[in-house]
Amino acid sequence: MELTINHTRKTFNQPPENLEALIAIEASGKKKGIAVALNNRIIPQSDWAETLLKDQDSILIITATQGG
């Protein structure tokens, strides 16, 4: 399966089952302060486990940071 994550293509031999599994991999298990868009549509955190991934999906993961 090939996914585009934050504008970078990645190939998975064993693809993550759902969006929650992908976030666990890409964000090191962190859930707080993260927003996710799948194919330009914001996915609420409550829906991550139910959101299945398909080949060629585009995922944008945004992480909040401190600073000023």
N, C-alpha and C. Protein backbone atom coordinates (compact mmCIF):
# COMPACT_ATOMS: atom_id res chain seq x y z
N MET A 1 0.84 -1.17 0.00
CA MET A 1 0.00 0.00 0.00
C MET A 1 0.89 1.23 0.00
N GLU A 2 0.51 2.21 -0.78
CA GLU A 2 1.25 3.47 -0.83
C GLU A 2 0.37 4.59 -0.29
N LEU A 3 0.91 5.33 0.67
CA LEU A 3 0.22 6.46 1.26
C LEU A 3 1.10 7.69 1.15
N THR A 4 0.50 8.84 1.03
CA THR A 4 1.24 10.09 1.08
C THR A 4 0.98 10.70 2.46
N ILE A 5 2.06 10.83 3.23
CA ILE A 5 1.97 11.34 4.59
C ILE A 5 2.78 12.61 4.68
N ASN A 6 2.11 13.71 4.97
CA ASN A 6 2.76 15.03 5.03
C ASN A 6 3.59 15.29 3.77
N HIS A 7 2.99 15.04 2.64
CA HIS A 7 3.55 15.29 1.30
C HIS A 7 4.71 14.38 0.94
N THR A 8 4.89 13.29 1.66
CA THR A 8 5.94 12.33 1.36
C THR A 8 5.30 10.96 1.13
N ARG A 9 5.62 10.34 0.00
CA ARG A 9 5.06 9.02 -0.29
C ARG A 9 5.78 7.95 0.52
N LYS A 10 4.98 7.06 1.10
CA LYS A 10 5.53 5.94 1.86
C LYS A 10 4.85 4.66 1.41
N THR A 11 5.64 3.60 1.29
CA THR A 11 5.10 2.30 0.92
C THR A 11 5.12 1.41 2.15
N PHE A 12 4.01 0.72 2.37
CA PHE A 12 3.86 -0.17 3.52
C PHE A 12 3.65 -1.59 3.02
N ASN A 13 4.52 -2.51 3.41
CA ASN A 13 4.31 -3.92 3.10
C ASN A 13 3.17 -4.47 3.95
N GLN A 14 3.14 -4.05 5.20
CA GLN A 14 2.04 -4.40 6.10
C GLN A 14 1.39 -3.08 6.50
N PRO A 15 0.38 -2.66 5.76
CA PRO A 15 -0.21 -1.35 6.01
C PRO A 15 -0.94 -1.28 7.34
N PRO A 16 -0.97 -0.10 7.94
CA PRO A 16 -1.73 0.07 9.17
C PRO A 16 -3.21 -0.20 8.90
N GLU A 17 -3.88 -0.79 9.86
CA GLU A 17 -5.28 -1.20 9.70
C GLU A 17 -6.22 0.00 9.55
N ASN A 18 -5.92 1.08 10.31
CA ASN A 18 -6.80 2.24 10.29
C ASN A 18 -5.97 3.49 10.59
N LEU A 19 -6.65 4.62 10.63
CA LEU A 19 -5.96 5.88 10.86
C LEU A 19 -5.31 5.92 12.24
N GLU A 20 -5.96 5.34 13.23
CA GLU A 20 -5.40 5.31 14.58
C GLU A 20 -4.06 4.56 14.61
N ALA A 21 -3.98 3.45 13.91
CA ALA A 21 -2.73 2.68 13.84
C ALA A 21 -1.64 3.46 13.13
N LEU A 22 -2.00 4.19 12.10
CA LEU A 22 -1.02 5.00 11.39
C LEU A 22 -0.49 6.11 12.29
N ILE A 23 -1.36 6.75 13.04
CA ILE A 23 -0.94 7.82 13.95
C ILE A 23 -0.02 7.25 15.03
N ALA A 24 -0.30 6.05 15.50
CA ALA A 24 0.57 5.41 16.50
C ALA A 24 1.98 5.25 15.95
N ILE A 25 2.09 4.94 14.66
CA ILE A 25 3.40 4.78 14.02
C ILE A 25 4.06 6.13 13.78
N GLU A 26 3.32 7.03 13.14
CA GLU A 26 3.90 8.30 12.68
C GLU A 26 4.09 9.33 13.79
N ALA A 27 3.28 9.26 14.84
CA ALA A 27 3.38 10.25 15.92
C ALA A 27 3.86 9.61 17.22
N SER A 28 4.46 8.46 17.12
CA SER A 28 5.02 7.74 18.28
C SER A 28 3.99 7.54 19.39
N GLY A 29 2.76 7.25 19.00
CA GLY A 29 1.73 6.97 19.97
C GLY A 29 1.08 8.19 20.59
N LYS A 30 1.60 9.36 20.28
CA LYS A 30 1.07 10.60 20.83
C LYS A 30 -0.30 10.91 20.21
N LYS A 31 -1.26 11.28 21.03
CA LYS A 31 -2.59 11.63 20.52
C LYS A 31 -2.97 13.08 20.83
N LYS A 32 -2.40 13.61 21.90
CA LYS A 32 -2.74 14.97 22.30
C LYS A 32 -2.06 15.98 21.39
N GLY A 33 -2.79 17.01 21.03
CA GLY A 33 -2.20 18.08 20.23
C GLY A 33 -1.99 17.71 18.77
N ILE A 34 -2.75 16.73 18.28
CA ILE A 34 -2.59 16.29 16.89
C ILE A 34 -3.91 16.47 16.16
N ALA A 35 -3.80 16.99 14.95
CA ALA A 35 -4.95 17.08 14.04
C ALA A 35 -4.59 16.29 12.79
N VAL A 36 -5.58 15.61 12.21
CA VAL A 36 -5.33 14.76 11.05
C VAL A 36 -6.35 15.05 9.96
N ALA A 37 -5.85 15.18 8.74
CA ALA A 37 -6.72 15.30 7.58
C ALA A 37 -6.46 14.12 6.66
N LEU A 38 -7.52 13.51 6.18
CA LEU A 38 -7.44 12.40 5.24
C LEU A 38 -8.08 12.86 3.94
N ASN A 39 -7.27 12.91 2.89
CA ASN A 39 -7.75 13.38 1.59
C ASN A 39 -8.44 14.74 1.72
N ASN A 40 -7.76 15.66 2.43
CA ASN A 40 -8.20 17.05 2.62
C ASN A 40 -9.47 17.19 3.45
N ARG A 41 -9.76 16.20 4.27
CA ARG A 41 -10.93 16.25 5.16
C ARG A 41 -10.47 15.97 6.59
N ILE A 42 -10.76 16.90 7.49
CA ILE A 42 -10.38 16.72 8.90
C ILE A 42 -11.14 15.52 9.47
N ILE A 43 -10.40 14.66 10.16
CA ILE A 43 -11.00 13.49 10.80
C ILE A 43 -10.90 13.67 12.32
N PRO A 44 -12.04 13.75 13.01
CA PRO A 44 -11.99 13.89 14.47
C PRO A 44 -11.31 12.68 15.12
N GLN A 45 -10.62 12.93 16.21
CA GLN A 45 -9.89 11.85 16.90
C GLN A 45 -10.84 10.71 17.27
N SER A 46 -12.07 11.01 17.56
CA SER A 46 -13.03 9.97 17.93
C SER A 46 -13.33 9.01 16.78
N ASP A 47 -12.99 9.40 15.55
CA ASP A 47 -13.24 8.56 14.37
C ASP A 47 -11.99 7.85 13.84
N TRP A 48 -10.83 8.09 14.44
CA TRP A 48 -9.59 7.51 13.91
C TRP A 48 -9.64 5.99 13.84
N ALA A 49 -10.15 5.34 14.86
CA ALA A 49 -10.16 3.87 14.90
C ALA A 49 -11.10 3.29 13.84
N GLU A 50 -12.12 4.03 13.47
CA GLU A 50 -13.10 3.56 12.48
C GLU A 50 -12.74 3.93 11.05
N THR A 51 -11.73 4.77 10.88
CA THR A 51 -11.38 5.27 9.56
C THR A 51 -10.35 4.36 8.91
N LEU A 52 -10.80 3.60 7.92
CA LEU A 52 -9.92 2.67 7.21
C LEU A 52 -9.14 3.41 6.14
N LEU A 53 -7.93 2.93 5.90
CA LEU A 53 -7.06 3.54 4.90
C LEU A 53 -7.11 2.75 3.60
N LYS A 54 -6.97 3.48 2.49
CA LYS A 54 -6.94 2.85 1.16
C LYS A 54 -5.66 3.26 0.45
N ASP A 55 -5.25 2.44 -0.49
CA ASP A 55 -4.08 2.75 -1.30
C ASP A 55 -4.24 4.13 -1.93
N GLN A 56 -3.18 4.90 -1.92
CA GLN A 56 -3.11 6.23 -2.51
C GLN A 56 -3.78 7.32 -1.68
N ASP A 57 -4.17 7.02 -0.43
CA ASP A 57 -4.72 8.06 0.43
C ASP A 57 -3.64 9.09 0.75
N SER A 58 -4.09 10.30 1.01
CA SER A 58 -3.19 11.40 1.40
C SER A 58 -3.56 11.81 2.82
N ILE A 59 -2.57 11.77 3.72
CA ILE A 59 -2.79 12.07 5.12
C ILE A 59 -1.89 13.23 5.52
N LEU A 60 -2.48 14.20 6.19
CA LEU A 60 -1.71 15.32 6.73
C LEU A 60 -1.83 15.27 8.24
N ILE A 61 -0.69 15.18 8.92
CA ILE A 61 -0.65 15.10 10.38
C ILE A 61 -0.03 16.41 10.88
N ILE A 62 -0.80 17.14 11.69
CA ILE A 62 -0.34 18.41 12.21
C ILE A 62 -0.19 18.26 13.72
N THR A 63 0.98 18.63 14.23
CA THR A 63 1.27 18.54 15.66
C THR A 63 1.45 19.93 16.24
N ALA A 64 0.74 20.21 17.31
CA ALA A 64 0.87 21.49 17.99
C ALA A 64 2.23 21.58 18.67
N THR A 65 2.82 22.75 18.63
CA THR A 65 4.11 22.97 19.29
C THR A 65 4.02 24.23 20.16
N GLN A 66 4.90 24.29 21.15
CA GLN A 66 4.96 25.48 21.99
C GLN A 66 5.87 26.50 21.34
N GLY A 67 5.68 27.70 21.69
CA GLY A 67 6.55 28.74 21.18
C GLY A 67 5.79 30.06 21.12
N GLY A 68 6.52 31.06 20.68
CA GLY A 68 5.86 32.34 20.64
C GLY A 68 6.40 33.21 19.58
